[in-house]
Amino acid sequence: MSSRRPTSGGFRGAGGVISCRVMTSRRSVLLVILIFLANAGLLLVREQQVTGDPWNFPVDDAWIHMTFARNLAFGLGFGVNPGEPVAASTSVSWALWLAVLHRAVAGFGMRAVVFAVKGSGVLLAVVAIIGAMRLLKRFIDDDTDRAVAGLLLIFSYPLAWGALSGMEVALCAACAIWALDYQVSACGDSPGPRDREISIACWSLAFLARPENVLLLGLALLIFLAHERESRLRLAGRLLLIAGLCVVPFVLFHAEIAGQPFPHTFTSKMTPRALPRAIVEMPAAEAMRAVAGSVLDHLRVGVEFLLLESPFVGLLYLAAPFLAWKTGFGRSAPPALSAGMAMAWIALPLLAVSVGILTGSMYYTVHHGRYIPQTILMAAFCGIAGFHRFWNATGRSRWIVLPLLFSLVFALDRQVELAEDHARECDIIRRIHVSLGKWLNELPKGLTVALNDIGGMAYFGGQRIIDLEGLASPETNSWRRQGRIDLFLERVKPDLLIIFPGWFPEIASRPEIFRPIFIRTVEENITGGGNVKAVYRMPWSRGLPDPWPALPPSGLPTDVPVPPLPERHE
């Protein structure tokens, strides 16, 4: 960071004044954006080298969003199977946006759609970076210091991976960062006339991007109302109206489709360590131990993610409360601003613990933290802003060069590693899920296929899907939890079964019924699930081809595959 002292705005010594009416400096913003774009370009180059083209996604869940979007765009309903709406999307706003992209560019072919999706992710990441630099400007006045802080911030999370993943990562990050920026402005010395309303609108959009952000939306509302003394009731009406425009349709939509105010995802992913299941299935003492263990595990992996992604920033995050106390931030800053910064700091453990309580799953930070971009970036911001204030108050020591150099070298090495991981993940998804989806599309139409991955095989397959993980077929949840998916399959009688065999030992234990016709293998499946994907023909199946078609190449088809809407028989 620069050795020059700031001359205006920002933090000044231990009792610094916070300037909240800012215009982001273009030089520092452009520098950070250009470095981010170079980082994203590195991932695309490596993807091209490994897979032969850049038209891939590194997780199968991206193809789930694409399936919902494609079906919605072409009048087939909001679901995986045409004409069968389901509440299986955890990011309604992202699915709706992808539907818009399908409607706009599907006529130009499949590659145009993937290009538009990836391009949207990159643009949203740039929007998030601009918001982050605005946020840093409120606390760091020097342009050079702010550029360094911006680089530390964006490399605290694999933003380039998220932007190209086909997931809602960049959308969620952009909404939350801008929400926090306007919240900080609203709580400072010179708030804008509509800062609180814009902040709540952004938090509401963040909720539509990831439902667990409802906790941050609620905290922001409480902070604004608690520190409003003159017209609290009128403010509450305005802010609740804005939030309700997003929350109420979300709840009504899921109540209509799922019979509950939230997606099937939450109930389907609940493990025995989730509080709702533990209460029902375990003795009280055992339930408490299970839930407590889940909470601690989620808290640990959330903090570990930041420490492993950017060790220096992770340490700054952990030290942020001490740094705030040491520099007297709580005494010098307006109370609402202190509360907002505390909210940003606590977001990471709060959402980690909440997800642990509700789902009990151990996959909170899976796939490079795709569920937690907003909490990681806010945590990094708190650590960086707090340290910059402390650094100013203690004389701007030159030893800071050492951890900054370490962070730079570490970030470069980490981005090279992420580029390699991204390329391998894209290759695995296309070799397993996309290829098998195209194979399904070559079979006679009208088949029913049971799957435990409903992304690429649903998008390209053109067959009716049964989701054994329960997201799109919640009726499978009770059978899966009992370890008797085999009995469920005998009851519903699908024509084909395509699974990772290790997920369902009850299938492997009954070879007299469940015999694979072929398997698809990869050396190491770093996206998760297993190295072997098995295709089974059911003994009751009729009308299947003989011989089976060969497995097609894994490249994308020229046109967007649009299945027909099944005929309704009165």
Foldseek 3Di string as FASTA:
>chain_A
DDLDDDDDAAQFALQGAFDQDDDFDPVLLVVLLVVLVVLLVLLQVLLCVQAVHSLFALALVLLQLLQQLQLVLVVQERALGRVAHAQQDQQVVLSPVLNVLCNPCQVQFDSSSSVVLLVVLSVLLSLLLVLLLSQVCRHDVDSVLSSLLSNLLCLLAVSSSLSNNSALQSVLSNLLSNLLSLLLQCQHDHHDPCSLQSSLLSLLSSCSRGVLSVVVSVLSLCLVLVPDDPCSVVVNVSSVVSSCVRQVVQQVVCCVRPVGRHAQVLVLQADCLALVNVVVPHDPVVNVVSLVVLLVLLLVVLLVLSCVSFVVLSVLLVCLVVLCVVSVVCPNTRVSSVSSLVSLSCVSSVSSNVSCRRHVDNCCCAPRRSPCSNSSSSSSSSSSSSVVNSCSNVSNDPVVVVSSVVRVVSSVVVSSVVSNSRSVSRNVCLQPQQLCLQLLCPKDEAFEEEECRSRNNSQRNLYHYDHCSCSRPVVNRVCLSVLHVVVVCVVVVGQKYKALCVSRVVLVVCCVFWPFPDWRADPDNSSDRDGIITMTGGPPHPDTDPPRDDRDDSDDDGGRDDHDNDDDDD
